Protein backbone atom coordinates (compact mmCIF):
# COMPACT_ATOMS: atom_id res chain seq x y z
CA MET A 1 -3.44 -33.96 53.47
CA LYS A 2 -5.90 -34.30 55.84
CA LEU A 3 -9.82 -35.51 53.76
CA PRO A 4 -11.91 -32.36 54.05
CA ASP A 5 -15.29 -32.60 56.60
CA ASN A 6 -17.42 -32.48 54.44
CA LYS A 7 -17.08 -35.83 52.75
CA PRO A 8 -17.40 -36.93 49.31
CA GLN A 9 -20.39 -38.29 47.68
CA LEU A 10 -20.48 -41.64 45.94
CA SER A 11 -21.72 -39.60 42.74
CA ASP A 12 -18.61 -37.55 43.52
CA LEU A 13 -15.91 -40.40 43.52
CA ARG A 14 -17.50 -41.70 40.77
CA ALA A 15 -16.86 -38.54 38.76
CA LEU A 16 -13.27 -38.53 39.78
CA LEU A 17 -12.65 -41.92 38.87
CA ALA A 18 -14.17 -41.67 35.51
CA LEU A 19 -11.92 -38.30 35.14
CA VAL A 20 -8.89 -40.03 36.71
CA LYS A 21 -9.34 -43.32 34.13
CA GLY A 22 -10.45 -41.61 30.87
CA GLY A 23 -8.73 -37.83 30.75
CA THR A 24 -11.07 -35.80 29.24
CA VAL A 25 -14.35 -34.82 30.35
CA THR A 26 -16.26 -35.82 27.57
CA SER A 27 -14.79 -39.39 27.37
CA ALA A 28 -16.08 -39.76 31.74
CA ALA A 29 -19.04 -37.92 30.90
CA SER A 30 -19.67 -41.32 28.10
CA THR A 31 -18.31 -43.51 30.92
CA LEU A 32 -21.24 -42.62 33.75
CA GLY A 33 -23.67 -41.66 30.72
CA VAL A 34 -24.65 -38.22 31.88
CA THR A 35 -23.80 -35.25 28.99
CA GLN A 36 -20.05 -32.92 28.90
CA SER A 37 -22.02 -30.62 30.60
CA THR A 38 -23.32 -32.04 33.55
CA LEU A 39 -19.93 -33.20 34.40
CA SER A 40 -18.11 -30.32 34.15
CA TYR A 41 -21.54 -28.54 36.50
CA GLN A 42 -20.60 -31.78 39.15
CA LEU A 43 -17.19 -30.59 39.03
CA ASP A 44 -17.36 -27.31 39.17
CA GLY A 45 -19.60 -27.77 42.40
CA MET A 46 -16.81 -30.16 43.87
CA ARG A 47 -14.13 -27.75 42.73
CA LYS A 48 -16.53 -25.46 45.24
CA ARG A 49 -17.04 -27.70 47.81
CA PHE A 50 -13.70 -29.07 48.87
CA SER A 51 -11.83 -25.71 47.65
CA ASP A 52 -9.39 -27.34 45.23
CA GLN A 53 -9.04 -27.48 41.53
CA LEU A 54 -9.30 -31.39 41.56
CA PHE A 55 -8.33 -31.63 37.79
CA VAL A 56 -6.19 -29.22 35.60
CA ARG A 57 -5.98 -28.92 31.75
CA ILE A 58 -2.79 -30.14 30.38
CA GLY A 59 -2.36 -30.22 26.73
CA ASN A 60 -5.62 -32.62 25.66
CA ARG A 61 -5.94 -34.21 29.71
CA MET A 62 -7.14 -33.29 32.74
CA VAL A 63 -4.41 -34.14 35.19
CA PRO A 64 -5.78 -34.94 38.60
CA THR A 65 -4.21 -32.94 41.64
CA PRO A 66 -2.53 -34.10 44.78
CA PHE A 67 -6.00 -33.64 46.52
CA ALA A 68 -7.95 -35.76 43.53
CA LEU A 69 -5.84 -38.62 44.33
CA GLN A 70 -5.95 -38.76 47.48
CA LEU A 71 -9.66 -38.19 47.27
CA VAL A 72 -9.90 -41.67 45.00
CA ASP A 73 -7.29 -43.14 46.91
CA PRO A 74 -9.78 -44.97 49.31
CA ALA A 75 -11.88 -45.70 45.70
């Protein structure tokens, strides 16, 4: 997959990494020092900008899409 023309911001990468490591929005938000709703809002904006789900819910966990993994790989 090709990276998008509008490159992710540092805050996007931090959020994506926290979600990959934490597996839940609640855990990632705690790691980042923001509320769950703030992180959910940021994730929604990223999904729209990158035209990708970025994460899908499987049970209680958020699993990154291949595109999300491609974004965080260099980070």
